[in-house]
N, C-alpha and C. Protein backbone atom coordinates (compact mmCIF):
# COMPACT_ATOMS: atom_id res chain seq x y z
N UNK A 1 141.51 79.76 59.86
CA UNK A 1 140.29 80.49 60.21
C UNK A 1 140.64 81.94 60.52
N UNK A 2 139.83 82.85 60.00
CA UNK A 2 140.06 84.28 60.20
C UNK A 2 138.85 84.90 60.89
N UNK A 3 139.12 85.72 61.90
CA UNK A 3 138.03 86.36 62.65
C UNK A 3 138.37 87.85 62.80
N UNK A 4 137.49 88.68 62.24
CA UNK A 4 137.75 90.12 62.21
C UNK A 4 136.57 90.90 62.78
N UNK A 5 136.89 92.04 63.34
CA UNK A 5 135.91 93.05 63.73
C UNK A 5 136.12 94.24 62.83
N UNK A 6 135.04 94.82 62.31
CA UNK A 6 135.15 96.03 61.50
C UNK A 6 134.35 97.14 62.18
N UNK A 7 135.00 98.28 62.36
CA UNK A 7 134.40 99.39 63.10
C UNK A 7 134.43 100.66 62.26
N UNK A 8 133.49 101.55 62.54
CA UNK A 8 133.43 102.82 61.83
C UNK A 8 132.06 103.43 62.01
N UNK A 9 131.97 104.73 61.83
CA UNK A 9 130.69 105.41 61.96
C UNK A 9 129.76 104.96 60.85
N UNK A 10 128.47 105.19 61.04
CA UNK A 10 127.50 104.86 60.00
C UNK A 10 127.84 105.63 58.73
N UNK A 11 127.76 104.94 57.60
CA UNK A 11 128.08 105.57 56.33
C UNK A 11 129.53 105.42 55.92
N UNK A 12 130.36 104.82 56.78
CA UNK A 12 131.77 104.67 56.44
C UNK A 12 132.05 103.45 55.58
N UNK A 13 131.04 102.62 55.34
CA UNK A 13 131.21 101.47 54.46
C UNK A 13 131.48 100.16 55.17
N UNK A 14 131.13 100.06 56.43
CA UNK A 14 131.37 98.81 57.17
C UNK A 14 130.70 97.62 56.49
N UNK A 15 129.42 97.78 56.17
CA UNK A 15 128.70 96.67 55.56
C UNK A 15 129.27 96.27 54.22
N UNK A 16 129.63 97.27 53.41
CA UNK A 16 130.20 96.98 52.09
C UNK A 16 131.51 96.23 52.22
N UNK A 17 132.41 96.72 53.06
CA UNK A 17 133.72 96.07 53.21
C UNK A 17 133.60 94.71 53.87
N UNK A 18 132.69 94.56 54.84
CA UNK A 18 132.49 93.26 55.46
C UNK A 18 131.98 92.25 54.45
N UNK A 19 131.07 92.68 53.58
CA UNK A 19 130.55 91.79 52.54
C UNK A 19 131.65 91.39 51.56
N UNK A 20 132.49 92.33 51.17
CA UNK A 20 133.58 92.03 50.24
C UNK A 20 134.57 91.05 50.87
N UNK A 21 134.90 91.25 52.13
CA UNK A 21 135.80 90.33 52.83
C UNK A 21 135.18 88.94 52.94
N UNK A 22 133.89 88.90 53.26
CA UNK A 22 133.21 87.62 53.41
C UNK A 22 133.21 86.84 52.10
N UNK A 23 132.93 87.54 51.00
CA UNK A 23 132.88 86.87 49.70
C UNK A 23 134.27 86.44 49.24
N UNK A 24 135.29 87.23 49.52
CA UNK A 24 136.63 86.94 49.04
C UNK A 24 137.30 85.82 49.83
N UNK A 25 136.96 85.69 51.12
CA UNK A 25 137.69 84.75 51.97
C UNK A 25 136.79 83.74 52.68
N UNK A 26 135.58 83.54 52.12
CA UNK A 26 134.65 82.52 52.65
C UNK A 26 134.32 82.73 54.13
N UNK A 27 134.15 83.98 54.50
CA UNK A 27 133.80 84.30 55.88
C UNK A 27 132.29 84.51 56.01
N UNK A 28 131.79 84.39 57.22
CA UNK A 28 130.41 84.73 57.50
C UNK A 28 130.36 86.19 57.96
N UNK A 29 129.51 86.97 57.31
CA UNK A 29 129.34 88.37 57.69
C UNK A 29 128.23 88.45 58.73
N UNK A 30 128.58 88.89 59.91
CA UNK A 30 127.60 89.06 60.99
C UNK A 30 127.37 90.55 61.17
N UNK A 31 126.20 91.02 60.74
CA UNK A 31 125.86 92.44 60.87
C UNK A 31 124.80 92.58 61.94
N UNK A 32 125.16 93.21 63.05
CA UNK A 32 124.20 93.41 64.13
C UNK A 32 123.03 94.26 63.64
N UNK A 33 123.33 95.29 62.84
CA UNK A 33 122.27 96.14 62.31
C UNK A 33 121.29 95.37 61.44
N UNK A 34 121.80 94.47 60.60
CA UNK A 34 120.92 93.68 59.73
C UNK A 34 120.04 92.74 60.55
N UNK A 35 120.61 92.17 61.62
CA UNK A 35 119.82 91.29 62.48
C UNK A 35 118.65 92.06 63.09
N UNK A 36 118.93 93.27 63.59
CA UNK A 36 117.87 94.07 64.19
C UNK A 36 116.85 94.50 63.14
N UNK A 37 117.33 94.87 61.93
CA UNK A 37 116.39 95.29 60.89
C UNK A 37 115.46 94.15 60.47
N UNK A 38 116.01 92.93 60.47
CA UNK A 38 115.17 91.77 60.14
C UNK A 38 114.04 91.66 61.15
N UNK A 39 114.35 91.83 62.41
CA UNK A 39 113.32 91.73 63.44
C UNK A 39 112.30 92.86 63.29
N UNK A 40 112.76 94.06 62.93
CA UNK A 40 111.83 95.17 62.72
C UNK A 40 110.90 94.87 61.55
N UNK A 41 111.46 94.42 60.43
CA UNK A 41 110.66 94.15 59.23
C UNK A 41 109.68 93.00 59.42
N UNK A 42 110.05 92.06 60.31
CA UNK A 42 109.18 90.91 60.54
C UNK A 42 108.32 91.06 61.80
N UNK A 43 108.31 92.26 62.36
CA UNK A 43 107.38 92.63 63.44
C UNK A 43 107.46 91.69 64.63
N UNK A 44 108.68 91.32 64.99
CA UNK A 44 108.86 90.51 66.19
C UNK A 44 108.81 91.40 67.43
N UNK A 45 108.74 90.76 68.59
CA UNK A 45 108.75 91.52 69.85
C UNK A 45 110.05 92.31 69.97
N UNK A 46 111.16 91.66 69.61
CA UNK A 46 112.45 92.36 69.63
C UNK A 46 112.44 93.52 68.64
N UNK A 47 111.83 93.30 67.48
CA UNK A 47 111.76 94.35 66.46
C UNK A 47 111.01 95.57 66.93
N UNK A 48 109.92 95.37 67.68
CA UNK A 48 109.14 96.51 68.20
C UNK A 48 109.99 97.33 69.17
N UNK A 49 110.76 96.64 69.99
CA UNK A 49 111.63 97.33 70.95
C UNK A 49 112.71 98.13 70.21
N UNK A 50 113.28 97.52 69.19
CA UNK A 50 114.33 98.19 68.41
C UNK A 50 113.76 99.40 67.67
N UNK A 51 112.56 99.25 67.11
CA UNK A 51 111.94 100.35 66.37
C UNK A 51 111.74 101.57 67.27
N UNK A 52 111.26 101.36 68.47
CA UNK A 52 111.06 102.49 69.39
C UNK A 52 112.38 103.17 69.74
N UNK A 53 113.40 102.35 69.92
CA UNK A 53 114.71 102.90 70.29
C UNK A 53 115.30 103.71 69.14
N UNK A 54 115.26 103.15 67.92
CA UNK A 54 115.83 103.83 66.76
C UNK A 54 115.08 105.10 66.44
N UNK A 55 113.76 105.09 66.58
CA UNK A 55 112.96 106.27 66.27
C UNK A 55 113.34 107.44 67.16
N UNK A 56 113.82 107.13 68.36
CA UNK A 56 114.24 108.19 69.27
C UNK A 56 115.68 108.60 69.09
N UNK A 57 116.37 107.96 68.13
CA UNK A 57 117.77 108.29 67.87
C UNK A 57 118.72 107.69 68.88
N UNK A 58 118.24 106.73 69.70
CA UNK A 58 119.09 106.12 70.71
C UNK A 58 119.70 104.82 70.19
N UNK A 59 120.70 104.33 70.91
CA UNK A 59 121.31 103.05 70.59
C UNK A 59 120.62 101.93 71.36
N UNK A 60 120.53 100.77 70.73
CA UNK A 60 119.97 99.60 71.41
C UNK A 60 120.85 99.25 72.60
N UNK A 61 120.25 98.84 73.70
CA UNK A 61 120.97 98.55 74.93
C UNK A 61 122.07 97.51 74.77
N UNK A 62 123.14 97.67 75.55
CA UNK A 62 124.30 96.80 75.43
C UNK A 62 123.97 95.34 75.72
N UNK A 63 123.16 95.07 76.74
CA UNK A 63 122.83 93.70 77.09
C UNK A 63 122.12 92.99 75.93
N UNK A 64 121.23 93.71 75.29
CA UNK A 64 120.48 93.13 74.17
C UNK A 64 121.41 92.86 72.99
N UNK A 65 122.30 93.81 72.70
CA UNK A 65 123.25 93.62 71.60
C UNK A 65 124.15 92.42 71.86
N UNK A 66 124.69 92.32 73.07
CA UNK A 66 125.58 91.22 73.40
C UNK A 66 124.86 89.88 73.29
N UNK A 67 123.61 89.83 73.73
CA UNK A 67 122.83 88.60 73.63
C UNK A 67 122.62 88.18 72.19
N UNK A 68 122.30 89.15 71.32
CA UNK A 68 122.08 88.86 69.91
C UNK A 68 123.36 88.33 69.26
N UNK A 69 124.50 88.96 69.58
CA UNK A 69 125.78 88.53 69.01
C UNK A 69 126.13 87.12 69.48
N UNK A 70 125.98 86.87 70.76
CA UNK A 70 126.31 85.56 71.29
C UNK A 70 125.44 84.47 70.64
N UNK A 71 124.15 84.75 70.53
CA UNK A 71 123.24 83.78 69.91
C UNK A 71 123.63 83.50 68.47
N UNK A 72 124.00 84.56 67.74
CA UNK A 72 124.36 84.38 66.32
C UNK A 72 125.64 83.58 66.18
N UNK A 73 126.68 83.90 66.95
CA UNK A 73 127.95 83.20 66.81
C UNK A 73 127.89 81.78 67.37
N UNK A 74 126.96 81.53 68.27
CA UNK A 74 126.79 80.18 68.80
C UNK A 74 126.26 79.21 67.75
N UNK A 75 125.81 79.71 66.61
CA UNK A 75 125.35 78.83 65.53
C UNK A 75 126.52 78.08 64.88
N UNK A 76 127.72 78.63 65.01
CA UNK A 76 128.95 77.97 64.53
C UNK A 76 128.84 77.53 63.07
N UNK A 77 128.31 78.41 62.24
CA UNK A 77 128.27 78.13 60.80
C UNK A 77 129.42 78.83 60.09
N UNK A 78 130.38 79.34 60.84
CA UNK A 78 131.50 80.11 60.27
C UNK A 78 132.74 79.21 60.22
N UNK A 79 132.73 78.25 59.30
CA UNK A 79 133.82 77.27 59.20
C UNK A 79 135.17 77.92 58.92
N UNK A 80 135.17 79.00 58.12
CA UNK A 80 136.43 79.65 57.76
C UNK A 80 136.63 80.97 58.50
N UNK A 81 135.69 81.30 59.37
CA UNK A 81 135.82 82.52 60.14
C UNK A 81 134.66 83.47 59.93
N UNK A 82 134.76 84.66 60.51
CA UNK A 82 133.68 85.64 60.40
C UNK A 82 134.25 87.05 60.40
N UNK A 83 133.44 87.97 59.92
CA UNK A 83 133.72 89.40 60.06
C UNK A 83 132.44 90.01 60.63
N UNK A 84 132.57 90.74 61.74
CA UNK A 84 131.40 91.24 62.45
C UNK A 84 131.43 92.76 62.46
N UNK A 85 130.29 93.37 62.19
CA UNK A 85 130.20 94.82 62.31
C UNK A 85 129.02 95.19 63.21
N UNK A 86 129.20 96.31 63.93
CA UNK A 86 128.19 96.75 64.88
C UNK A 86 128.44 96.27 66.29
N UNK A 87 129.58 95.65 66.53
CA UNK A 87 129.92 95.11 67.84
C UNK A 87 131.42 94.85 67.88
N UNK A 88 132.10 95.09 69.02
CA UNK A 88 131.62 95.59 70.30
C UNK A 88 131.51 97.12 70.31
N UNK A 89 130.72 97.63 71.26
CA UNK A 89 130.48 99.06 71.32
C UNK A 89 131.03 99.71 72.58
N UNK A 90 131.52 98.92 73.52
CA UNK A 90 132.07 99.51 74.75
C UNK A 90 133.17 98.60 75.29
N UNK A 91 133.95 99.07 76.26
CA UNK A 91 135.07 98.27 76.76
C UNK A 91 134.67 96.91 77.31
N UNK A 92 133.53 96.84 78.02
CA UNK A 92 133.10 95.56 78.58
C UNK A 92 132.83 94.54 77.48
N UNK A 93 132.17 94.99 76.40
CA UNK A 93 131.90 94.09 75.28
C UNK A 93 133.19 93.68 74.59
N UNK A 94 134.14 94.62 74.49
CA UNK A 94 135.42 94.30 73.87
C UNK A 94 136.17 93.24 74.67
N UNK A 95 136.18 93.37 75.98
CA UNK A 95 136.85 92.39 76.83
C UNK A 95 136.17 91.02 76.69
N UNK A 96 134.83 91.02 76.69
CA UNK A 96 134.09 89.78 76.49
C UNK A 96 134.46 89.12 75.16
N UNK A 97 134.56 89.95 74.14
CA UNK A 97 134.85 89.42 72.81
C UNK A 97 136.25 88.82 72.75
N UNK A 98 137.22 89.50 73.34
CA UNK A 98 138.59 89.00 73.33
C UNK A 98 138.73 87.71 74.13
N UNK A 99 137.94 87.59 75.20
CA UNK A 99 137.99 86.38 76.01
C UNK A 99 137.30 85.21 75.32
N UNK A 100 136.30 85.50 74.49
CA UNK A 100 135.49 84.44 73.88
C UNK A 100 136.01 83.98 72.53
N UNK A 101 136.69 84.86 71.80
CA UNK A 101 137.12 84.55 70.43
C UNK A 101 138.54 85.04 70.20
N UNK A 102 139.29 84.27 69.42
CA UNK A 102 140.65 84.68 69.06
C UNK A 102 140.58 85.60 67.85
N UNK A 103 140.54 86.91 68.09
CA UNK A 103 140.40 87.88 67.02
C UNK A 103 141.72 88.03 66.27
N UNK A 104 141.64 88.03 64.94
CA UNK A 104 142.84 88.17 64.12
C UNK A 104 143.12 89.62 63.73
N UNK A 105 142.10 90.47 63.76
CA UNK A 105 142.33 91.86 63.38
C UNK A 105 141.09 92.71 63.58
N UNK A 106 141.31 93.97 63.86
CA UNK A 106 140.23 94.94 64.01
C UNK A 106 140.45 96.04 62.97
N UNK A 107 139.48 96.21 62.10
CA UNK A 107 139.56 97.17 61.01
C UNK A 107 138.78 98.42 61.41
N UNK A 108 139.44 99.55 61.47
CA UNK A 108 138.79 100.81 61.83
C UNK A 108 138.71 101.68 60.57
N UNK A 109 137.50 101.90 60.09
CA UNK A 109 137.27 102.76 58.92
C UNK A 109 137.11 104.19 59.40
N UNK A 110 138.01 105.06 58.97
CA UNK A 110 138.01 106.44 59.45
C UNK A 110 137.43 107.39 58.40
N UNK A 111 136.54 108.28 58.86
CA UNK A 111 135.87 109.21 57.94
C UNK A 111 135.44 110.45 58.71
N UNK A 112 135.67 111.66 58.16
CA UNK A 112 135.24 112.89 58.84
C UNK A 112 133.72 112.93 59.01
N UNK A 113 133.28 113.55 60.07
CA UNK A 113 131.85 113.62 60.35
C UNK A 113 131.06 114.28 59.22
N UNK A 114 131.63 115.28 58.58
CA UNK A 114 130.92 115.97 57.51
C UNK A 114 130.63 115.04 56.34
N UNK A 115 131.58 114.17 56.03
CA UNK A 115 131.37 113.20 54.95
C UNK A 115 130.37 112.13 55.37
N UNK A 116 130.41 111.75 56.64
CA UNK A 116 129.43 110.79 57.15
C UNK A 116 128.01 111.34 56.96
N UNK A 117 127.82 112.61 57.34
CA UNK A 117 126.50 113.21 57.21
C UNK A 117 126.04 113.24 55.76
N UNK A 118 126.94 113.60 54.86
CA UNK A 118 126.59 113.65 53.43
C UNK A 118 126.13 112.29 52.94
N UNK A 119 126.82 111.25 53.34
CA UNK A 119 126.50 109.91 52.86
C UNK A 119 125.24 109.35 53.52
N UNK A 120 125.15 109.48 54.83
CA UNK A 120 124.04 108.87 55.55
C UNK A 120 122.71 109.50 55.14
N UNK A 121 122.67 110.82 55.01
CA UNK A 121 121.41 111.48 54.67
C UNK A 121 121.01 111.24 53.22
N UNK A 122 121.89 110.60 52.44
CA UNK A 122 121.56 110.24 51.06
C UNK A 122 121.10 108.79 50.93
N UNK A 123 121.08 108.07 52.05
CA UNK A 123 120.70 106.66 52.00
C UNK A 123 119.19 106.50 51.87
N UNK A 124 118.79 105.48 51.12
CA UNK A 124 117.38 105.12 51.00
C UNK A 124 117.26 103.61 51.10
N UNK A 125 116.08 103.16 51.52
CA UNK A 125 115.82 101.73 51.73
C UNK A 125 114.49 101.40 51.09
N UNK A 126 114.44 100.28 50.33
CA UNK A 126 113.17 99.88 49.74
C UNK A 126 112.23 99.40 50.84
N UNK A 127 111.03 99.95 50.87
CA UNK A 127 110.07 99.63 51.92
C UNK A 127 109.50 98.22 51.77
N UNK A 128 109.72 97.59 50.59
CA UNK A 128 109.19 96.25 50.37
C UNK A 128 110.25 95.16 50.48
N UNK A 129 111.33 95.28 49.70
CA UNK A 129 112.33 94.20 49.67
C UNK A 129 113.56 94.49 50.52
N UNK A 130 113.70 95.73 51.01
CA UNK A 130 114.81 96.05 51.89
C UNK A 130 116.11 96.38 51.20
N UNK A 131 116.13 96.49 49.86
CA UNK A 131 117.36 96.79 49.14
C UNK A 131 117.84 98.19 49.46
N UNK A 132 119.16 98.33 49.65
CA UNK A 132 119.75 99.62 49.99
C UNK A 132 120.08 100.42 48.73
N UNK A 133 119.85 101.73 48.80
CA UNK A 133 120.25 102.66 47.75
C UNK A 133 120.99 103.83 48.39
N UNK A 134 121.74 104.55 47.56
CA UNK A 134 122.38 105.78 48.00
C UNK A 134 122.26 106.78 46.86
N UNK A 135 121.68 107.93 47.13
CA UNK A 135 121.42 108.90 46.08
C UNK A 135 122.69 109.55 45.54
N UNK A 136 123.84 109.24 46.16
CA UNK A 136 125.12 109.71 45.64
C UNK A 136 125.71 108.71 44.67
N UNK A 137 125.77 107.44 45.09
CA UNK A 137 126.50 106.44 44.31
C UNK A 137 125.61 105.37 43.70
N UNK A 138 124.40 105.20 44.19
CA UNK A 138 123.54 104.11 43.71
C UNK A 138 122.11 104.61 43.62
N UNK A 139 121.86 105.40 42.59
CA UNK A 139 120.53 105.96 42.39
C UNK A 139 119.62 104.95 41.70
N UNK A 140 118.34 104.93 42.04
CA UNK A 140 117.39 104.09 41.31
C UNK A 140 117.14 104.68 39.92
N UNK A 141 116.74 103.82 38.98
CA UNK A 141 116.46 104.31 37.62
C UNK A 141 115.29 105.29 37.63
N UNK A 142 114.28 104.98 38.44
CA UNK A 142 113.12 105.88 38.58
C UNK A 142 113.14 106.45 39.99
N UNK A 143 113.04 107.77 40.14
CA UNK A 143 113.15 108.38 41.48
C UNK A 143 112.20 107.75 42.50
N UNK A 144 112.73 107.47 43.68
CA UNK A 144 111.95 106.99 44.83
C UNK A 144 111.31 105.62 44.60
N UNK A 145 111.83 104.87 43.60
CA UNK A 145 111.23 103.57 43.27
C UNK A 145 112.32 102.51 43.15
N UNK A 146 112.12 101.38 43.80
CA UNK A 146 113.10 100.29 43.77
C UNK A 146 113.19 99.69 42.37
N UNK A 147 114.43 99.50 41.88
CA UNK A 147 114.64 98.92 40.56
C UNK A 147 114.22 97.46 40.51
N UNK A 148 114.23 96.77 41.64
CA UNK A 148 113.99 95.33 41.67
C UNK A 148 112.51 94.99 41.81
N UNK A 149 111.85 95.59 42.82
CA UNK A 149 110.47 95.19 43.10
C UNK A 149 109.45 96.30 42.88
N UNK A 150 109.92 97.52 42.61
CA UNK A 150 109.00 98.63 42.40
C UNK A 150 108.49 99.25 43.68
N UNK A 151 109.04 98.83 44.82
CA UNK A 151 108.60 99.38 46.10
C UNK A 151 109.04 100.83 46.28
N UNK A 152 108.42 101.50 47.23
CA UNK A 152 108.74 102.90 47.51
C UNK A 152 110.01 102.99 48.34
N UNK A 153 110.90 103.90 47.96
CA UNK A 153 112.14 104.10 48.71
C UNK A 153 111.89 105.10 49.83
N UNK A 154 112.41 104.77 51.00
CA UNK A 154 112.21 105.63 52.17
C UNK A 154 113.54 105.77 52.91
N UNK A 155 113.64 106.79 53.75
CA UNK A 155 114.77 106.91 54.65
C UNK A 155 114.53 106.03 55.86
N UNK A 156 115.62 105.47 56.39
CA UNK A 156 115.48 104.75 57.65
C UNK A 156 115.05 105.72 58.72
N UNK A 157 114.29 105.25 59.72
CA UNK A 157 113.78 106.16 60.75
C UNK A 157 114.87 106.96 61.45
N UNK A 158 116.08 106.35 61.57
CA UNK A 158 117.14 107.04 62.30
C UNK A 158 118.09 107.81 61.39
N UNK A 159 117.79 107.89 60.08
CA UNK A 159 118.63 108.66 59.16
C UNK A 159 118.08 110.08 59.04
N UNK A 160 118.23 110.87 60.10
CA UNK A 160 117.85 112.27 60.08
C UNK A 160 118.94 113.03 60.82
N UNK A 161 119.06 114.34 60.58
CA UNK A 161 120.19 115.10 61.15
C UNK A 161 120.31 115.01 62.66
N UNK A 162 119.19 115.10 63.36
CA UNK A 162 119.25 115.09 64.82
C UNK A 162 119.74 113.74 65.35
N UNK A 163 119.15 112.65 64.82
CA UNK A 163 119.55 111.33 65.28
C UNK A 163 120.98 111.02 64.88
N UNK A 164 121.39 111.49 63.70
CA UNK A 164 122.76 111.24 63.24
C UNK A 164 123.77 111.94 64.15
N UNK A 165 123.50 113.18 64.52
CA UNK A 165 124.42 113.90 65.42
C UNK A 165 124.57 113.15 66.75
N UNK A 166 123.45 112.63 67.24
CA UNK A 166 123.51 111.88 68.50
C UNK A 166 124.34 110.61 68.33
N UNK A 167 124.14 109.92 67.20
CA UNK A 167 124.90 108.68 66.97
C UNK A 167 126.38 108.96 66.82
N UNK A 168 126.73 110.05 66.14
CA UNK A 168 128.14 110.40 66.00
C UNK A 168 128.77 110.70 67.36
N UNK A 169 128.06 111.46 68.19
CA UNK A 169 128.57 111.76 69.53
C UNK A 169 128.76 110.47 70.33
N UNK A 170 127.75 109.59 70.25
CA UNK A 170 127.83 108.32 70.99
C UNK A 170 128.99 107.47 70.47
N UNK A 171 129.16 107.46 69.14
CA UNK A 171 130.22 106.65 68.56
C UNK A 171 131.59 107.11 69.04
N UNK A 172 131.84 108.40 68.92
CA UNK A 172 133.16 108.92 69.30
C UNK A 172 133.43 108.72 70.79
N UNK A 173 132.40 108.89 71.60
CA UNK A 173 132.58 108.76 73.04
C UNK A 173 132.79 107.30 73.46
N UNK A 174 132.04 106.39 72.85
CA UNK A 174 132.05 105.01 73.33
C UNK A 174 133.09 104.12 72.65
N UNK A 175 133.42 104.41 71.39
CA UNK A 175 134.31 103.48 70.69
C UNK A 175 135.79 103.80 70.87
N UNK A 176 136.14 105.02 71.24
CA UNK A 176 137.56 105.32 71.46
C UNK A 176 138.18 104.39 72.50
N UNK A 177 137.53 104.15 73.65
CA UNK A 177 138.10 103.20 74.61
C UNK A 177 138.17 101.77 74.07
N UNK A 178 137.20 101.39 73.22
CA UNK A 178 137.22 100.05 72.62
C UNK A 178 138.44 99.89 71.73
N UNK A 179 138.69 100.90 70.91
CA UNK A 179 139.85 100.83 70.01
C UNK A 179 141.14 100.77 70.80
N UNK A 180 141.18 101.51 71.91
CA UNK A 180 142.38 101.48 72.76
C UNK A 180 142.64 100.08 73.31
N UNK A 181 141.58 99.37 73.69
CA UNK A 181 141.73 98.00 74.19
C UNK A 181 142.30 97.10 73.11
N UNK A 182 141.76 97.21 71.91
CA UNK A 182 142.26 96.38 70.81
C UNK A 182 143.69 96.76 70.43
N UNK A 183 144.00 98.06 70.52
CA UNK A 183 145.36 98.49 70.17
C UNK A 183 146.40 97.90 71.11
N UNK A 184 146.05 97.70 72.37
CA UNK A 184 146.98 97.10 73.31
C UNK A 184 147.35 95.69 72.89
N UNK A 185 146.44 95.05 72.15
CA UNK A 185 146.70 93.70 71.64
C UNK A 185 147.35 93.74 70.25
N UNK A 186 147.57 94.95 69.72
CA UNK A 186 148.18 95.16 68.40
C UNK A 186 147.34 94.53 67.29
N UNK A 187 146.02 94.67 67.42
CA UNK A 187 145.13 94.09 66.43
C UNK A 187 144.63 95.11 65.40
N UNK A 188 144.83 96.40 65.64
CA UNK A 188 144.09 97.43 64.91
C UNK A 188 144.81 97.88 63.65
N UNK A 189 144.04 97.95 62.53
CA UNK A 189 144.52 98.62 61.32
C UNK A 189 143.56 99.76 61.02
N UNK A 190 144.11 100.93 60.71
CA UNK A 190 143.29 102.11 60.44
C UNK A 190 143.27 102.37 58.94
N UNK A 191 142.06 102.58 58.43
CA UNK A 191 141.84 102.68 56.99
C UNK A 191 141.14 104.00 56.66
N UNK A 192 141.65 104.71 55.65
CA UNK A 192 140.99 105.91 55.15
C UNK A 192 139.79 105.47 54.31
N UNK A 193 138.58 105.69 54.85
CA UNK A 193 137.37 105.19 54.21
C UNK A 193 136.74 106.18 53.23
N UNK A 194 137.40 107.30 52.96
CA UNK A 194 136.84 108.27 52.03
C UNK A 194 137.10 107.90 50.58
N UNK A 195 137.93 106.89 50.36
CA UNK A 195 138.29 106.49 48.98
C UNK A 195 137.24 105.55 48.41
N UNK A 196 137.48 105.09 47.16
CA UNK A 196 136.56 104.15 46.53
C UNK A 196 136.54 102.85 47.31
N UNK A 197 135.48 102.09 47.15
CA UNK A 197 135.36 100.85 47.93
C UNK A 197 136.46 99.85 47.57
N UNK A 198 136.89 99.83 46.30
CA UNK A 198 137.96 98.91 45.90
C UNK A 198 139.29 99.32 46.51
N UNK A 199 139.56 100.63 46.54
CA UNK A 199 140.80 101.10 47.16
C UNK A 199 140.81 100.79 48.65
N UNK A 200 139.67 100.98 49.30
CA UNK A 200 139.57 100.67 50.73
C UNK A 200 139.79 99.18 50.95
N UNK A 201 139.17 98.36 50.13
CA UNK A 201 139.30 96.90 50.27
C UNK A 201 140.75 96.46 50.09
N UNK A 202 141.41 96.98 49.08
CA UNK A 202 142.80 96.61 48.83
C UNK A 202 143.70 97.03 49.99
N UNK A 203 143.42 98.20 50.59
CA UNK A 203 144.21 98.65 51.73
C UNK A 203 143.99 97.74 52.94
N UNK A 204 142.75 97.31 53.16
CA UNK A 204 142.47 96.38 54.25
C UNK A 204 143.26 95.09 54.06
N UNK A 205 143.20 94.54 52.86
CA UNK A 205 143.90 93.29 52.58
C UNK A 205 145.41 93.45 52.74
N UNK A 206 145.94 94.59 52.28
CA UNK A 206 147.38 94.82 52.39
C UNK A 206 147.80 94.88 53.86
N UNK A 207 147.04 95.63 54.67
CA UNK A 207 147.43 95.79 56.06
C UNK A 207 147.23 94.52 56.89
N UNK A 208 146.32 93.66 56.45
CA UNK A 208 146.08 92.41 57.17
C UNK A 208 146.82 91.23 56.54
N UNK A 209 147.63 91.53 55.52
CA UNK A 209 148.41 90.48 54.83
C UNK A 209 147.48 89.40 54.25
N UNK A 210 146.38 89.84 53.67
CA UNK A 210 145.46 88.92 53.00
C UNK A 210 145.77 88.88 51.52
N UNK A 211 145.72 87.70 50.89
CA UNK A 211 146.03 87.59 49.46
C UNK A 211 144.99 88.30 48.59
N UNK A 212 145.45 89.07 47.64
CA UNK A 212 144.54 89.81 46.76
C UNK A 212 144.29 89.08 45.44
N UNK A 213 144.88 87.92 45.26
CA UNK A 213 144.75 87.22 43.98
C UNK A 213 143.69 86.14 44.02
N UNK A 214 142.82 86.18 45.04
CA UNK A 214 141.78 85.16 45.15
C UNK A 214 140.61 85.52 44.28
């Protein structure tokens, strides 16, 4: 069983790499962001709370995030392990995570803030089916229109310069102590995330001693 945490600023490719790892090694991908977006799209009470928070460029409260993660992992559908992104976000959550689960590795995707801004502000989301696009690497065939369902493409509410700057500041301030905690356990591998997704994936597998011939 393999259990990994993947960390990095928005736009660094956490979701992409977590999905690739999950598919290659039969892991469950737990995305805290996707869980919250599902609640927003389905107009739940939790979703309304998350929508208000994201619209203001703030991060969802730690207690709520920890509760969502605990509830998801308590489902125990991860027979071969999991890879989680979007958690932990602070030292207390990191300590909780280490006490609750035997983590095999922490993947830190590193990317300069300027590149993060270029990528994040190019992201689009289908307003109907939720499919992700990026105007740099994954453009729709018809501008502003989803290739799959024909829905209108929009920016996420928190994908704007002001909110992004706040998130970057919060990320650098809050995650540095988290990484230090994991480093004391010798769990951390640092990855240059500015390269192609395949190069990044191969580097992750190499540093974690994962077989690439699967």
